[in-house]
Amino acid sequence: MITSYSTFTLSDKLTEEQKYFFNKHGFLHFKNFIDPHAVKSIIDASIQVQRKWLVDEVKKVNGVPIKYGRDLDGSPIIQRFAFINQHHQTLSGLLLDPRFNSLLELAGTGARLGTEEKDGMVFNHYVNGPDSKFTKMGWHTDGLRDIFYGQKLNPMLNVGIHLSTLKPENGGLKILPGTHKQNLYQMLFRKKYFLDHQPDPQEIAIVPEAGDLTIHDGRLWHRVAQSSARGEESRRRVIYIPIIAGKYTPKHENSPTVFYQRFAGIVK
């Protein structure tokens, strides 16, 4: 069990220390992946996409439901975008950063950024207000999604680009280090998927600053804790991009909605 962890700097090649840490604990935290100007540009891009999707009343993108909510002033906002990289050049351009290539080896041969697969680049916007629809998420693993897609459990990693500076009271990502090495039974039944929000004695908190990058193994148990703060102090934005190995399965505008995504209130 670890109660704290080391952070790293991401370059064009992973160090042996970084690979050892990831293999043992199932995650890595890199500081200052992008600068404040890039953070602002990404947030501005999301607002532009939001404005268009609100006008067009977009319900799904490539079969994936879009989650709507209300901001602190009661105005409508999008709280979970899917495939947002396909809808703004700032976001698609972000994925051209060559440092992403250094992360691919963690998923093995044939690994790639899932820009056209799963849910593509997901943009989450959490805010803890009276009308918010997206403030927390229960325990789950990302690897289980392959079962819903009717596929075998292929290597999958989730890259997070954090656009908000958090304090412990802001909630956010909690993980159970080392659970990426659990057996299938533990992966399926260790906790009640999405329904269990209880803290775990062995969990650790990922507390990023705006511009940080994290990566975690899809088999790792994790949750998103609700902020104990309310209002503007609770606002949190984060991007997730999958790294995928195995058969290439791109989505398109006529892709069906996967069974579990019909319960959009629990989907990451």
Protein backbone atom coordinates (compact mmCIF):
# COMPACT_ATOMS: atom_id res chain seq x y z
CA MET A 1 0.00 0.00 0.00
CA ILE A 2 1.25 3.49 -0.86
CA THR A 3 0.01 6.69 0.77
CA SER A 4 1.89 9.13 -1.46
CA TYR A 5 3.68 8.92 -4.77
CA SER A 6 6.35 10.48 -6.96
CA THR A 7 5.52 12.72 -9.89
CA PHE A 8 7.51 12.83 -13.13
CA THR A 9 8.20 14.88 -16.25
CA LEU A 10 7.11 13.47 -19.61
CA SER A 11 9.59 13.58 -22.48
CA ASP A 12 9.84 11.71 -25.78
CA LYS A 13 10.90 8.51 -24.01
CA LEU A 14 9.90 6.91 -20.72
CA THR A 15 12.62 6.24 -18.17
CA GLU A 16 13.15 2.86 -16.57
CA GLU A 17 11.98 4.34 -13.26
CA GLN A 18 8.73 5.50 -14.84
CA LYS A 19 8.08 2.12 -16.47
CA TYR A 20 8.80 0.30 -13.21
CA PHE A 21 6.44 2.59 -11.27
CA PHE A 22 3.65 2.10 -13.80
CA ASN A 23 4.07 -1.67 -13.87
CA LYS A 24 3.90 -1.84 -10.07
CA HIS A 25 1.19 0.71 -9.30
CA GLY A 26 -0.78 1.03 -12.54
CA PHE A 27 -0.52 4.81 -12.98
CA LEU A 28 1.83 7.75 -13.55
CA HIS A 29 1.48 11.49 -12.85
CA PHE A 30 3.45 13.93 -15.01
CA LYS A 31 3.75 17.59 -14.04
CA ASN A 32 3.39 20.57 -16.41
CA PHE A 33 2.55 18.65 -19.60
CA ILE A 34 1.00 21.79 -21.10
CA ASP A 35 1.37 25.45 -20.13
CA PRO A 36 -1.37 27.85 -18.90
CA HIS A 37 -1.86 29.31 -22.39
CA ALA A 38 -2.60 25.84 -23.79
CA VAL A 39 -4.98 25.11 -20.90
CA LYS A 40 -6.94 28.29 -21.65
CA SER A 41 -7.01 27.52 -25.38
CA ILE A 42 -8.45 24.06 -24.71
CA ILE A 43 -11.14 25.39 -22.38
CA ASP A 44 -12.03 28.10 -24.90
CA ALA A 45 -12.31 25.42 -27.62
CA SER A 46 -14.67 23.37 -25.46
CA ILE A 47 -16.89 26.42 -24.93
CA GLN A 48 -17.05 26.96 -28.70
CA VAL A 49 -18.05 23.33 -29.27
CA GLN A 50 -20.59 23.56 -26.45
CA ARG A 51 -22.16 26.64 -27.98
CA LYS A 52 -22.65 24.85 -31.31
CA TRP A 53 -23.94 21.61 -29.79
CA LEU A 54 -26.46 23.49 -27.64
CA VAL A 55 -27.82 25.24 -30.73
CA ASP A 56 -27.88 22.00 -32.72
CA GLU A 57 -29.34 20.04 -29.77
CA VAL A 58 -26.77 17.28 -30.20
CA LYS A 59 -27.84 14.20 -28.24
CA LYS A 60 -25.19 11.69 -29.31
CA VAL A 61 -21.86 11.70 -31.13
CA ASN A 62 -20.93 8.46 -32.89
CA GLY A 63 -23.53 6.67 -30.77
CA VAL A 64 -22.21 8.02 -27.45
CA PRO A 65 -24.71 10.05 -25.36
CA ILE A 66 -23.77 13.63 -24.50
CA LYS A 67 -24.40 14.66 -20.89
CA TYR A 68 -26.08 18.01 -20.32
CA GLY A 69 -26.45 19.90 -17.06
CA ARG A 70 -26.86 23.36 -15.60
CA ASP A 71 -24.16 25.82 -14.63
CA LEU A 72 -24.18 27.80 -11.40
CA ASP A 73 -26.29 30.55 -13.01
CA GLY A 74 -28.80 28.02 -14.31
CA SER A 75 -27.67 28.20 -17.93
CA PRO A 76 -27.36 24.92 -19.87
CA ILE A 77 -23.90 23.42 -20.23
CA ILE A 78 -22.43 20.18 -21.53
CA GLN A 79 -20.83 18.19 -18.73
CA ARG A 80 -19.53 15.27 -20.76
CA PHE A 81 -18.46 15.58 -24.41
CA ALA A 82 -17.50 12.53 -26.49
CA PHE A 83 -15.21 12.62 -29.54
CA ILE A 84 -14.66 16.32 -28.96
CA ASN A 85 -11.31 16.00 -30.76
CA GLN A 86 -13.28 15.60 -34.00
CA HIS A 87 -15.02 18.94 -33.54
CA HIS A 88 -12.26 21.50 -32.96
CA GLN A 89 -8.80 21.82 -34.45
CA THR A 90 -7.28 22.94 -31.14
CA LEU A 91 -8.29 19.61 -29.61
CA SER A 92 -7.28 17.48 -32.58
CA GLY A 93 -4.00 19.39 -32.73
CA LEU A 94 -3.27 18.66 -29.08
CA LEU A 95 -3.08 14.95 -29.93
CA LEU A 96 -0.21 15.58 -32.36
CA ASP A 97 2.16 16.21 -29.45
CA PRO A 98 4.97 13.65 -29.97
CA ARG A 99 5.22 12.96 -26.24
CA PHE A 100 2.05 10.87 -26.47
CA ASN A 101 4.07 8.34 -28.47
CA SER A 102 6.24 7.61 -25.45
CA LEU A 103 3.18 6.40 -23.54
CA LEU A 104 2.10 3.86 -26.15
CA GLU A 105 4.64 1.23 -25.13
CA LEU A 106 2.86 0.86 -21.79
CA ALA A 107 0.00 -0.83 -23.66
CA GLY A 108 2.21 -3.10 -25.77
CA THR A 109 2.62 -3.77 -29.48
CA GLY A 110 0.19 -2.05 -31.82
CA ALA A 111 -0.98 0.51 -29.26
CA ARG A 112 -2.50 3.76 -30.50
CA LEU A 113 -4.42 6.79 -29.30
CA GLY A 114 -8.13 5.99 -29.58
CA THR A 115 -9.12 9.16 -31.38
CA GLU A 116 -11.80 7.33 -33.39
CA GLU A 117 -12.58 4.46 -31.00
CA LYS A 118 -14.38 3.93 -27.67
CA ASP A 119 -15.57 7.49 -26.82
CA GLY A 120 -12.66 9.30 -28.47
CA MET A 121 -11.41 12.31 -26.56
CA VAL A 122 -13.79 12.85 -23.65
CA PHE A 123 -14.08 16.27 -22.05
CA ASN A 124 -15.58 16.24 -18.55
CA HIS A 125 -16.82 19.40 -16.86
CA TYR A 126 -17.73 18.90 -13.21
CA VAL A 127 -19.33 21.60 -11.09
CA ASN A 128 -21.05 21.14 -7.75
CA GLY A 129 -24.09 23.37 -7.95
CA PRO A 130 -27.82 23.00 -7.24
CA ASP A 131 -28.66 21.91 -10.79
CA SER A 132 -25.50 20.05 -11.76
CA LYS A 133 -25.97 16.59 -13.29
CA PHE A 134 -22.33 15.54 -13.00
CA THR A 135 -20.55 15.84 -9.66
CA LYS A 136 -19.09 12.38 -8.95
CA MET A 137 -18.70 8.85 -10.26
CA GLY A 138 -18.68 5.56 -8.39
CA TRP A 139 -16.00 2.90 -8.34
CA HIS A 140 -15.32 1.25 -11.70
CA THR A 141 -12.66 0.01 -14.08
CA ASP A 142 -12.37 1.16 -17.68
CA GLY A 143 -11.28 -2.27 -18.85
CA LEU A 144 -14.78 -3.69 -18.32
CA ARG A 145 -15.98 -1.71 -21.33
CA ASP A 146 -14.50 -4.30 -23.68
CA ILE A 147 -17.01 -6.81 -22.33
CA PHE A 148 -19.86 -4.48 -23.24
CA TYR A 149 -18.35 -4.07 -26.68
CA GLY A 150 -18.33 -7.86 -27.05
CA GLN A 151 -14.54 -7.97 -27.18
CA LYS A 152 -11.87 -9.71 -25.19
CA LEU A 153 -10.09 -7.69 -22.52
CA ASN A 154 -7.41 -5.92 -24.53
CA PRO A 155 -4.84 -3.56 -23.03
CA MET A 156 -6.36 -0.12 -22.52
CA LEU A 157 -4.92 2.89 -20.75
CA ASN A 158 -6.59 6.21 -19.99
CA VAL A 159 -4.64 9.44 -20.39
CA GLY A 160 -5.95 12.41 -18.43
CA ILE A 161 -5.05 16.02 -19.19
CA HIS A 162 -6.07 18.13 -16.21
CA LEU A 163 -7.31 21.64 -16.85
CA SER A 164 -7.98 22.65 -13.24
CA THR A 165 -5.77 22.97 -10.18
CA LEU A 166 -7.27 20.92 -7.37
CA LYS A 167 -7.06 20.81 -3.61
CA PRO A 168 -7.93 17.66 -1.65
CA GLU A 169 -11.35 19.13 -0.82
CA ASN A 170 -12.12 19.37 -4.56
CA GLY A 171 -12.66 15.62 -4.76
CA GLY A 172 -11.51 14.23 -8.09
CA LEU A 173 -9.75 11.03 -9.07
CA LYS A 174 -9.20 8.35 -6.41
CA ILE A 175 -7.42 5.12 -7.34
CA LEU A 176 -6.54 1.76 -5.81
CA PRO A 177 -2.87 1.29 -6.76
CA GLY A 178 -1.88 -2.15 -7.96
CA THR A 179 -5.39 -3.37 -8.75
CA HIS A 180 -4.51 -3.54 -12.45
CA LYS A 181 -2.96 -6.92 -11.59
CA GLN A 182 -6.13 -8.37 -10.08
CA ASN A 183 -7.83 -11.45 -11.50
CA LEU A 184 -11.00 -11.28 -13.58
CA TYR A 185 -13.26 -12.13 -10.64
CA GLN A 186 -11.89 -9.20 -8.64
CA MET A 187 -12.22 -6.94 -11.66
CA LEU A 188 -15.89 -7.86 -11.99
CA PHE A 189 -16.99 -8.11 -8.37
CA ARG A 190 -14.58 -6.28 -6.06
CA LYS A 191 -17.02 -3.37 -5.89
CA LYS A 192 -20.48 -2.51 -7.20
CA TYR A 193 -19.80 -0.77 -10.47
CA PHE A 194 -20.71 2.93 -10.37
CA LEU A 195 -23.08 2.41 -7.42
CA ASP A 196 -20.39 2.31 -4.73
CA HIS A 197 -19.05 5.75 -3.81
CA GLN A 198 -17.57 4.85 -0.44
CA PRO A 199 -13.92 5.76 0.29
CA ASP A 200 -11.56 2.79 0.40
CA PRO A 201 -8.87 2.58 3.11
CA GLN A 202 -6.29 1.82 0.41
CA GLU A 203 -7.25 4.55 -2.07
CA ILE A 204 -4.98 7.46 -2.87
CA ALA A 205 -5.98 10.83 -4.28
CA ILE A 206 -4.63 12.24 -7.52
CA VAL A 207 -4.36 15.98 -6.85
CA PRO A 208 -3.22 17.65 -10.09
CA GLU A 209 -2.46 21.18 -11.11
CA ALA A 210 -3.79 22.62 -14.34
CA GLY A 211 -1.58 21.34 -17.16
CA ASP A 212 -0.64 18.02 -15.53
CA LEU A 213 -1.04 14.68 -17.30
CA THR A 214 -1.90 11.35 -15.71
CA ILE A 215 -2.18 7.88 -17.16
CA HIS A 216 -3.75 4.84 -15.56
CA ASP A 217 -4.29 1.23 -16.56
CA GLY A 218 -7.88 0.51 -17.58
CA ARG A 219 -8.04 -2.43 -15.18
CA LEU A 220 -7.31 -0.20 -12.18
CA TRP A 221 -10.21 0.44 -9.80
CA HIS A 222 -10.92 4.16 -9.50
CA ARG A 223 -13.69 6.64 -8.73
CA VAL A 224 -14.34 10.35 -9.00
CA ALA A 225 -15.13 11.85 -5.60
CA GLN A 226 -17.58 14.70 -5.24
CA SER A 227 -16.15 18.05 -4.24
CA SER A 228 -16.90 19.06 -0.68
CA ALA A 229 -16.75 22.64 -1.95
CA ARG A 230 -19.69 24.12 -3.79
CA GLY A 231 -20.00 26.80 -6.39
CA GLU A 232 -17.12 28.11 -8.50
CA GLU A 233 -14.51 26.55 -6.24
CA SER A 234 -15.81 23.11 -7.22
CA ARG A 235 -15.42 23.58 -10.99
CA ARG A 236 -13.17 20.95 -12.55
CA ARG A 237 -12.37 20.22 -16.16
CA VAL A 238 -10.40 17.23 -17.44
CA ILE A 239 -9.80 15.51 -20.77
CA TYR A 240 -9.45 11.74 -21.17
CA ILE A 241 -8.06 9.95 -24.22
CA PRO A 242 -7.81 6.16 -24.42
CA ILE A 243 -4.71 4.29 -25.49
CA ILE A 244 -5.84 1.07 -27.13
CA ALA A 245 -4.26 -2.16 -28.37
CA GLY A 246 -5.96 -4.93 -30.32
CA LYS A 247 -8.38 -4.79 -33.22
CA TYR A 248 -9.02 -1.36 -34.70
CA THR A 249 -12.73 -0.57 -34.20
CA PRO A 250 -13.51 3.02 -35.21
CA LYS A 251 -16.92 4.54 -34.56
CA HIS A 252 -19.01 6.63 -36.93
CA GLU A 253 -22.23 8.63 -36.92
CA ASN A 254 -24.36 5.49 -37.31
CA SER A 255 -22.65 3.51 -34.52
CA PRO A 256 -25.13 2.03 -32.03
CA THR A 257 -25.23 3.10 -28.41
CA VAL A 258 -23.56 0.49 -26.22
CA PHE A 259 -25.92 -1.03 -23.63
CA TYR A 260 -24.32 0.49 -20.53
CA GLN A 261 -24.21 3.95 -22.12
CA ARG A 262 -28.00 4.03 -22.13
CA PHE A 263 -27.57 4.69 -18.43
CA ALA A 264 -25.73 7.91 -19.21
CA GLY A 265 -25.88 9.11 -15.62
CA ILE A 266 -23.11 6.70 -14.61
CA VAL A 267 -20.80 6.80 -17.62
CA LYS A 268 -17.39 8.39 -17.42
